[in-house]
PDB file of N, CA and C in Angstrom:
ATOM      1  N   MET A   1      52.235 106.485 164.214  1.00  0.00           N
ATOM      2  CA  MET A   1      53.023 106.144 163.052  1.00  0.00           C
ATOM      3  C   MET A   1      54.358 105.563 163.513  1.00  0.00           C
ATOM      4  N   ASP A   2      54.792 104.506 162.894  1.00  0.00           N
ATOM      5  CA  ASP A   2      56.078 103.892 163.175  1.00  0.00           C
ATOM      6  C   ASP A   2      57.129 104.587 162.309  1.00  0.00           C
ATOM      7  N   VAL A   3      57.883 105.479 162.937  1.00  0.00           N
ATOM      8  CA  VAL A   3      58.842 106.303 162.210  1.00  0.00           C
ATOM      9  C   VAL A   3      59.936 105.444 161.575  1.00  0.00           C
ATOM     10  N   ARG A   4      60.397 104.434 162.287  1.00  0.00           N
ATOM     11  CA  ARG A   4      61.448 103.574 161.739  1.00  0.00           C
ATOM     12  C   ARG A   4      60.967 102.814 160.506  1.00  0.00           C
ATOM     13  N   LYS A   5      59.759 102.300 160.589  1.00  0.00           N
ATOM     14  CA  LYS A   5      59.209 101.536 159.459  1.00  0.00           C
ATOM     15  C   LYS A   5      59.023 102.447 158.242  1.00  0.00           C
ATOM     16  N   ALA A   6      58.520 103.650 158.481  1.00  0.00           N
ATOM     17  CA  ALA A   6      58.325 104.596 157.379  1.00  0.00           C
ATOM     18  C   ALA A   6      59.666 104.998 156.769  1.00  0.00           C
ATOM     19  N   GLY A   7      60.670 105.233 157.620  1.00  0.00           N
ATOM     20  CA  GLY A   7      61.994 105.587 157.125  1.00  0.00           C
ATOM     21  C   GLY A   7      62.625 104.456 156.338  1.00  0.00           C
ATOM     22  N   LYS A   8      62.426 103.227 156.822  1.00  0.00           N
ATOM     23  CA  LYS A   8      62.957 102.061 156.114  1.00  0.00           C
ATOM     24  C   LYS A   8      62.323 101.971 154.728  1.00  0.00           C
ATOM     25  N   ALA A   9      61.021 102.169 154.651  1.00  0.00           N
ATOM     26  CA  ALA A   9      60.332 102.118 153.359  1.00  0.00           C
ATOM     27  C   ALA A   9      60.869 103.191 152.416  1.00  0.00           C
ATOM     28  N   ARG A  10      61.078 104.392 152.930  1.00  0.00           N
ATOM     29  CA  ARG A  10      61.607 105.479 152.091  1.00  0.00           C
ATOM     30  C   ARG A  10      63.019 105.152 151.598  1.00  0.00           C
ATOM     31  N   LEU A  11      63.852 104.631 152.510  1.00  0.00           N
ATOM     32  CA  LEU A  11      65.220 104.287 152.111  1.00  0.00           C
ATOM     33  C   LEU A  11      65.237 103.201 151.044  1.00  0.00           C
ATOM     34  N   LEU A  12      64.376 102.209 151.214  1.00  0.00           N
ATOM     35  CA  LEU A  12      64.333 101.123 150.236  1.00  0.00           C
ATOM     36  C   LEU A  12      63.834 101.599 148.880  1.00  0.00           C
ATOM     37  N   LEU A  13      62.969 102.599 148.882  1.00  0.00           N
ATOM     38  CA  LEU A  13      62.521 103.184 147.619  1.00  0.00           C
ATOM     39  C   LEU A  13      63.608 104.056 146.989  1.00  0.00           C
ATOM     40  N   ALA A  14      64.314 104.802 147.833  1.00  0.00           N
ATOM     41  CA  ALA A  14      65.341 105.710 147.337  1.00  0.00           C
ATOM     42  C   ALA A  14      66.591 104.965 146.869  1.00  0.00           C
ATOM     43  N   ILE A  15      66.899 103.844 147.547  1.00  0.00           N
ATOM     44  CA  ILE A  15      68.124 103.104 147.253  1.00  0.00           C
ATOM     45  C   ILE A  15      67.770 101.631 147.090  1.00  0.00           C
ATOM     46  N   PRO A  16      67.324 101.237 145.908  1.00  0.00           N
ATOM     47  CA  PRO A  16      66.844  99.866 145.689  1.00  0.00           C
ATOM     48  C   PRO A  16      67.851  98.771 146.036  1.00  0.00           C
ATOM     49  N   GLU A  17      69.152  99.050 145.912  1.00  0.00           N
ATOM     50  CA  GLU A  17      70.125  97.996 146.208  1.00  0.00           C
ATOM     51  C   GLU A  17      70.122  97.582 147.680  1.00  0.00           C
ATOM     52  N   LEU A  18      69.530  98.392 148.534  1.00  0.00           N
ATOM     53  CA  LEU A  18      69.430  98.027 149.954  1.00  0.00           C
ATOM     54  C   LEU A  18      68.450  96.873 150.175  1.00  0.00           C
ATOM     55  N   ARG A  19      67.576  96.654 149.228  1.00  0.00           N
ATOM     56  CA  ARG A  19      66.550  95.618 149.382  1.00  0.00           C
ATOM     57  C   ARG A  19      67.134  94.215 149.476  1.00  0.00           C
ATOM     58  N   HIS A  20      68.384  94.053 149.079  1.00  0.00           N
ATOM     59  CA  HIS A  20      69.007  92.725 149.064  1.00  0.00           C
ATOM     60  C   HIS A  20      69.794  92.441 150.333  1.00  0.00           C
ATOM     61  N   SER A  21      69.515  93.188 151.388  1.00  0.00           N
ATOM     62  CA  SER A  21      70.211  92.998 152.664  1.00  0.00           C
ATOM     63  C   SER A  21      69.186  92.769 153.771  1.00  0.00           C
ATOM     64  N   PRO A  22      68.536  91.609 153.783  1.00  0.00           N
ATOM     65  CA  PRO A  22      67.452  91.382 154.742  1.00  0.00           C
ATOM     66  C   PRO A  22      67.888  91.407 156.208  1.00  0.00           C
ATOM     67  N   TRP A  23      69.153  91.110 156.497  1.00  0.00           N
ATOM     68  CA  TRP A  23      69.628  91.107 157.879  1.00  0.00           C
ATOM     69  C   TRP A  23      69.461  92.462 158.539  1.00  0.00           C
ATOM     70  N   MET A  24      69.498  93.530 157.738  1.00  0.00           N
ATOM     71  CA  MET A  24      69.481  94.875 158.315  1.00  0.00           C
ATOM     72  C   MET A  24      68.150  95.219 158.988  1.00  0.00           C
ATOM     73  N   MET A  25      67.114  94.479 158.704  1.00  0.00           N
ATOM     74  CA  MET A  25      65.808  94.778 159.281  1.00  0.00           C
ATOM     75  C   MET A  25      65.800  94.556 160.802  1.00  0.00           C
ATOM     76  N   ARG A  26      66.789  93.822 161.286  1.00  0.00           N
ATOM     77  CA  ARG A  26      66.895  93.587 162.730  1.00  0.00           C
ATOM     78  C   ARG A  26      68.071  94.352 163.336  1.00  0.00           C
ATOM     79  N   ASP A  27      68.766  95.120 162.531  1.00  0.00           N
ATOM     80  CA  ASP A  27      69.959  95.827 162.964  1.00  0.00           C
ATOM     81  C   ASP A  27      69.586  97.178 163.583  1.00  0.00           C
ATOM     82  N   LEU A  28      69.957  97.372 164.842  1.00  0.00           N
ATOM     83  CA  LEU A  28      69.567  98.576 165.576  1.00  0.00           C
ATOM     84  C   LEU A  28      70.151  99.845 164.954  1.00  0.00           C
ATOM     85  N   VAL A  29      71.405  99.803 164.525  1.00  0.00           N
ATOM     86  CA  VAL A  29      72.023 100.988 163.928  1.00  0.00           C
ATOM     87  C   VAL A  29      71.291 101.362 162.640  1.00  0.00           C
ATOM     88  N   PHE A  30      71.006 100.373 161.814  1.00  0.00           N
ATOM     89  CA  PHE A  30      70.288 100.653 160.571  1.00  0.00           C
ATOM     90  C   PHE A  30      68.901 101.217 160.860  1.00  0.00           C
ATOM     91  N   MET A  31      68.221 100.661 161.842  1.00  0.00           N
ATOM     92  CA  MET A  31      66.876 101.156 162.165  1.00  0.00           C
ATOM     93  C   MET A  31      66.920 102.587 162.703  1.00  0.00           C
ATOM     94  N   LYS A  32      67.990 102.941 163.409  1.00  0.00           N
ATOM     95  CA  LYS A  32      68.156 104.336 163.867  1.00  0.00           C
ATOM     96  C   LYS A  32      68.363 105.257 162.658  1.00  0.00           C
ATOM     97  N   LEU A  33      69.114 104.768 161.667  1.00  0.00           N
ATOM     98  CA  LEU A  33      69.282 105.543 160.441  1.00  0.00           C
ATOM     99  C   LEU A  33      67.935 105.727 159.727  1.00  0.00           C
ATOM    100  N   CYS A  34      67.120 104.691 159.733  1.00  0.00           N
ATOM    101  CA  CYS A  34      65.784 104.782 159.126  1.00  0.00           C
ATOM    102  C   CYS A  34      64.943 105.843 159.822  1.00  0.00           C
ATOM    103  N   GLU A  35      65.020 105.858 161.139  1.00  0.00           N
ATOM    104  CA  GLU A  35      64.263 106.849 161.909  1.00  0.00           C
ATOM    105  C   GLU A  35      64.744 108.263 161.582  1.00  0.00           C
ATOM    106  N   ALA A  36      66.052 108.461 161.568  1.00  0.00           N
ATOM    107  CA  ALA A  36      66.603 109.779 161.253  1.00  0.00           C
ATOM    108  C   ALA A  36      66.220 110.195 159.832  1.00  0.00           C
ATOM    109  N   TYR A  37      66.243 109.245 158.910  1.00  0.00           N
ATOM    110  CA  TYR A  37      65.891 109.533 157.517  1.00  0.00           C
ATOM    111  C   TYR A  37      64.431 109.961 157.401  1.00  0.00           C
ATOM    112  N   GLU A  38      63.558 109.254 158.075  1.00  0.00           N
ATOM    113  CA  GLU A  38      62.133 109.613 158.012  1.00  0.00           C
ATOM    114  C   GLU A  38      61.903 111.019 158.554  1.00  0.00           C
ATOM    115  N   LEU A  39      62.503 111.327 159.681  1.00  0.00           N
ATOM    116  CA  LEU A  39      62.321 112.656 160.267  1.00  0.00           C
ATOM    117  C   LEU A  39      62.885 113.741 159.349  1.00  0.00           C
ATOM    118  N   ALA A  40      64.047 113.476 158.742  1.00  0.00           N
ATOM    119  CA  ALA A  40      64.624 114.441 157.805  1.00  0.00           C
ATOM    120  C   ALA A  40      63.732 114.607 156.577  1.00  0.00           C
ATOM    121  N   CYS A  41      63.179 113.517 156.082  1.00  0.00           N
ATOM    122  CA  CYS A  41      62.287 113.582 154.915  1.00  0.00           C
ATOM    123  C   CYS A  41      60.995 114.327 155.232  1.00  0.00           C
ATOM    124  N   LEU A  42      60.475 114.127 156.423  1.00  0.00           N
ATOM    125  CA  LEU A  42      59.265 114.856 156.811  1.00  0.00           C
ATOM    126  C   LEU A  42      59.532 116.355 156.859  1.00  0.00           C
ATOM    127  N   ASP A  43      60.690 116.741 157.399  1.00  0.00           N
ATOM    128  CA  ASP A  43      61.055 118.164 157.420  1.00  0.00           C
ATOM    129  C   ASP A  43      61.197 118.700 155.996  1.00  0.00           C
ATOM    130  N   ARG A  44      61.891 117.934 155.148  1.00  0.00           N
ATOM    131  CA  ARG A  44      62.084 118.338 153.761  1.00  0.00           C
ATOM    132  C   ARG A  44      60.740 118.495 153.039  1.00  0.00           C
ATOM    133  N   ASP A  45      59.853 117.530 153.240  1.00  0.00           N
ATOM    134  CA  ASP A  45      58.548 117.584 152.580  1.00  0.00           C
ATOM    135  C   ASP A  45      57.735 118.786 153.055  1.00  0.00           C
ATOM    136  N   ALA A  46      57.835 119.095 154.339  1.00  0.00           N
ATOM    137  CA  ALA A  46      57.128 120.274 154.860  1.00  0.00           C
ATOM    138  C   ALA A  46      57.669 121.548 154.222  1.00  0.00           C
ATOM    139  N   LEU A  47      58.985 121.617 154.057  1.00  0.00           N
ATOM    140  CA  LEU A  47      59.577 122.786 153.404  1.00  0.00           C
ATOM    141  C   LEU A  47      59.157 122.876 151.944  1.00  0.00           C
ATOM    142  N   ARG A  48      59.080 121.756 151.277  1.00  0.00           N
ATOM    143  CA  ARG A  48      58.663 121.745 149.872  1.00  0.00           C
ATOM    144  C   ARG A  48      57.241 122.270 149.704  1.00  0.00           C
ATOM    145  N   CYS A  49      56.391 121.974 150.676  1.00  0.00           N
ATOM    146  CA  CYS A  49      54.975 122.335 150.585  1.00  0.00           C
ATOM    147  C   CYS A  49      54.663 123.678 151.227  1.00  0.00           C
ATOM    148  N   SER A  50      55.634 124.287 151.842  1.00  0.00           N
ATOM    149  CA  SER A  50      55.427 125.537 152.562  1.00  0.00           C
ATOM    150  C   SER A  50      55.033 126.663 151.612  1.00  0.00           C
ATOM    151  N   ALA A  51      54.113 127.500 152.079  1.00  0.00           N
ATOM    152  CA  ALA A  51      53.691 128.649 151.281  1.00  0.00           C
ATOM    153  C   ALA A  51      54.836 129.642 151.128  1.00  0.00           C
ATOM    154  N   GLN A  52      55.634 129.765 152.185  1.00  0.00           N
ATOM    155  CA  GLN A  52      56.805 130.634 152.128  1.00  0.00           C
ATOM    156  C   GLN A  52      58.018 129.784 151.768  1.00  0.00           C
ATOM    157  N   LYS A  53      58.505 129.969 150.580  1.00  0.00           N
ATOM    158  CA  LYS A  53      59.627 129.160 150.118  1.00  0.00           C
ATOM    159  C   LYS A  53      60.916 129.626 150.789  1.00  0.00           C
ATOM    160  N   GLU A  54      61.535 128.713 151.496  1.00  0.00           N
ATOM    161  CA  GLU A  54      62.815 128.976 152.145  1.00  0.00           C
ATOM    162  C   GLU A  54      63.865 128.128 151.427  1.00  0.00           C
ATOM    163  N   ASP A  55      64.420 128.686 150.369  1.00  0.00           N
ATOM    164  CA  ASP A  55      65.325 127.930 149.511  1.00  0.00           C
ATOM    165  C   ASP A  55      66.537 127.381 150.249  1.00  0.00           C
ATOM    166  N   GLN A  56      67.149 128.184 151.098  1.00  0.00           N
ATOM    167  CA  GLN A  56      68.347 127.729 151.810  1.00  0.00           C
ATOM    168  C   GLN A  56      68.011 126.580 152.765  1.00  0.00           C
ATOM    169  N   ALA A  57      66.912 126.711 153.477  1.00  0.00           N
ATOM    170  CA  ALA A  57      66.506 125.655 154.404  1.00  0.00           C
ATOM    171  C   ALA A  57      66.173 124.377 153.641  1.00  0.00           C
ATOM    172  N   LEU A  58      65.525 124.513 152.496  1.00  0.00           N
ATOM    173  CA  LEU A  58      65.197 123.342 151.679  1.00  0.00           C
ATOM    174  C   LEU A  58      66.462 122.668 151.165  1.00  0.00           C
ATOM    175  N   LEU A  59      67.416 123.451 150.712  1.00  0.00           N
ATOM    176  CA  LEU A  59      68.676 122.879 150.235  1.00  0.00           C
ATOM    177  C   LEU A  59      69.402 122.123 151.358  1.00  0.00           C
ATOM    178  N   ARG A  60      69.439 122.710 152.554  1.00  0.00           N
ATOM    179  CA  ARG A  60      70.067 122.034 153.699  1.00  0.00           C
ATOM    180  C   ARG A  60      69.336 120.736 154.017  1.00  0.00           C
ATOM    181  N   SER A  61      68.033 120.775 153.948  1.00  0.00           N
ATOM    182  CA  SER A  61      67.230 119.594 154.242  1.00  0.00           C
ATOM    183  C   SER A  61      67.458 118.504 153.193  1.00  0.00           C
ATOM    184  N   GLU A  62      67.530 118.900 151.928  1.00  0.00           N
ATOM    185  CA  GLU A  62      67.826 117.940 150.848  1.00  0.00           C
ATOM    186  C   GLU A  62      69.190 117.294 151.075  1.00  0.00           C
ATOM    187  N   GLU A  63      70.173 118.108 151.447  1.00  0.00           N
ATOM    188  CA  GLU A  63      71.519 117.600 151.709  1.00  0.00           C
ATOM    189  C   GLU A  63      71.525 116.629 152.889  1.00  0.00           C
ATOM    190  N   GLU A  64      70.768 116.951 153.929  1.00  0.00           N
ATOM    191  CA  GLU A  64      70.694 116.062 155.087  1.00  0.00           C
ATOM    192  C   GLU A  64      70.125 114.702 154.689  1.00  0.00           C
ATOM    193  N   CYS A  65      69.082 114.698 153.876  1.00  0.00           N
ATOM    194  CA  CYS A  65      68.500 113.435 153.415  1.00  0.00           C
ATOM    195  C   CYS A  65      69.520 112.638 152.598  1.00  0.00           C
ATOM    196  N   GLN A  66      70.236 113.315 151.721  1.00  0.00           N
ATOM    197  CA  GLN A  66      71.243 112.638 150.904  1.00  0.00           C
ATOM    198  C   GLN A  66      72.380 112.090 151.765  1.00  0.00           C
ATOM    199  N   GLU A  67      72.770 112.830 152.797  1.00  0.00           N
ATOM    200  CA  GLU A  67      73.831 112.364 153.691  1.00  0.00           C
ATOM    201  C   GLU A  67      73.401 111.112 154.447  1.00  0.00           C
ATOM    202  N   ILE A  68      72.157 111.081 154.884  1.00  0.00           N
ATOM    203  CA  ILE A  68      71.669 109.899 155.601  1.00  0.00           C
ATOM    204  C   ILE A  68      71.602 108.706 154.659  1.00  0.00           C
ATOM    205  N   GLU A  69      71.167 108.935 153.422  1.00  0.00           N
ATOM    206  CA  GLU A  69      71.160 107.857 152.423  1.00  0.00           C
ATOM    207  C   GLU A  69      72.571 107.304 152.238  1.00  0.00           C
ATOM    208  N   ALA A  70      73.536 108.195 152.077  1.00  0.00           N
ATOM    209  CA  ALA A  70      74.927 107.779 151.876  1.00  0.00           C
ATOM    210  C   ALA A  70      75.459 107.032 153.105  1.00  0.00           C
ATOM    211  N   THR A  71      75.096 107.491 154.277  1.00  0.00           N
ATOM    212  CA  THR A  71      75.525 106.827 155.509  1.00  0.00           C
ATOM    213  C   THR A  71      74.940 105.429 155.593  1.00  0.00           C
ATOM    214  N   ALA A  72      73.679 105.285 155.219  1.00  0.00           N
ATOM    215  CA  ALA A  72      73.030 103.969 155.247  1.00  0.00           C
ATOM    216  C   ALA A  72      73.712 103.008 154.283  1.00  0.00           C
ATOM    217  N   VAL A  73      74.013 103.470 153.087  1.00  0.00           N
ATOM    218  CA  VAL A  73      74.688 102.622 152.103  1.00  0.00           C
ATOM    219  C   VAL A  73      76.074 102.234 152.612  1.00  0.00           C
ATOM    220  N   ALA A  74      76.818 103.200 153.138  1.00  0.00           N
ATOM    221  CA  ALA A  74      78.164 102.918 153.652  1.00  0.00           C
ATOM    222  C   ALA A  74      78.106 101.936 154.809  1.00  0.00           C
ATOM    223  N   TYR A  75      77.145 102.095 155.685  1.00  0.00           N
ATOM    224  CA  TYR A  75      77.016 101.190 156.830  1.00  0.00           C
ATOM    225  C   TYR A  75      76.731  99.764 156.363  1.00  0.00           C
ATOM    226  N   ILE A  76      75.819  99.622 155.427  1.00  0.00           N
ATOM    227  CA  ILE A  76      75.475  98.286 154.939  1.00  0.00           C
ATOM    228  C   ILE A  76      76.664  97.649 154.231  1.00  0.00           C
ATOM    229  N   ARG A  77      77.366  98.426 153.427  1.00  0.00           N
ATOM    230  CA  ARG A  77      78.545  97.874 152.753  1.00  0.00           C
ATOM    231  C   ARG A  77      79.606  97.456 153.768  1.00  0.00           C
ATOM    232  N   GLU A  78      79.784  98.241 154.805  1.00  0.00           N
ATOM    233  CA  GLU A  78      80.740  97.905 155.857  1.00  0.00           C
ATOM    234  C   GLU A  78      80.337  96.614 156.568  1.00  0.00           C
ATOM    235  N   GLN A  79      79.059  96.472 156.841  1.00  0.00           N
ATOM    236  CA  GLN A  79      78.572  95.274 157.523  1.00  0.00           C
ATOM    237  C   GLN A  79      78.709  94.036 156.643  1.00  0.00           C
ATOM    238  N   GLN A  80      78.590  94.204 155.346  1.00  0.00           N
ATOM    239  CA  GLN A  80      78.752  93.076 154.438  1.00  0.00           C
ATOM    240  C   GLN A  80      80.205  92.610 154.399  1.00  0.00           C
ATOM    241  N   VAL A  81      81.133  93.556 154.567  1.00  0.00           N
ATOM    242  CA  VAL A  81      82.553  93.207 154.560  1.00  0.00           C
ATOM    243  C   VAL A  81      82.994  92.711 155.933  1.00  0.00           C
ATOM    244  N   PHE A  82      82.533  93.386 156.978  1.00  0.00           N
ATOM    245  CA  PHE A  82      82.903  93.053 158.346  1.00  0.00           C
ATOM    246  C   PHE A  82      81.660  92.794 159.175  1.00  0.00           C
ATOM    247  N   PRO A  83      80.950  91.697 158.978  1.00  0.00           N
ATOM    248  CA  PRO A  83      79.717  91.444 159.728  1.00  0.00           C
ATOM    249  C   PRO A  83      79.975  91.395 161.230  1.00  0.00           C
ATOM    250  N   GLY A  84      79.081  92.026 161.945  1.00  0.00           N
ATOM    251  CA  GLY A  84      79.174  92.031 163.405  1.00  0.00           C
ATOM    252  C   GLY A  84      80.055  93.127 163.967  1.00  0.00           C
ATOM    253  N   ALA A  85      80.732  93.869 163.123  1.00  0.00           N
ATOM    254  CA  ALA A  85      81.607  94.952 163.589  1.00  0.00           C
ATOM    255  C   ALA A  85      80.820  96.244 163.643  1.00  0.00           C
ATOM    256  N   VAL A  86      80.548  96.701 164.842  1.00  0.00           N
ATOM    257  CA  VAL A  86      79.837  97.979 165.011  1.00  0.00           C
ATOM    258  C   VAL A  86      80.664  98.861 165.876  1.00  0.00           C
TER     259      VAL A  86
END
């Protein structure tokens, strides 16, 4: 499985406004964020489906996914204002 590709797909579904930034598909920092997002989402999904409900762990996992989403949006907005600045 291509973790970056799966994470990118999840991010684009979660944050539709990202779809209008085609340059990011070649951006290494953005692709690393996609990878981190996919791994965080997989952990979150496993917790959601777990027979033993761990509410605190699920909440932390949900927060981690939201933080990565926010980081991705902030990064893209920064790149749109200051292209090439990493």
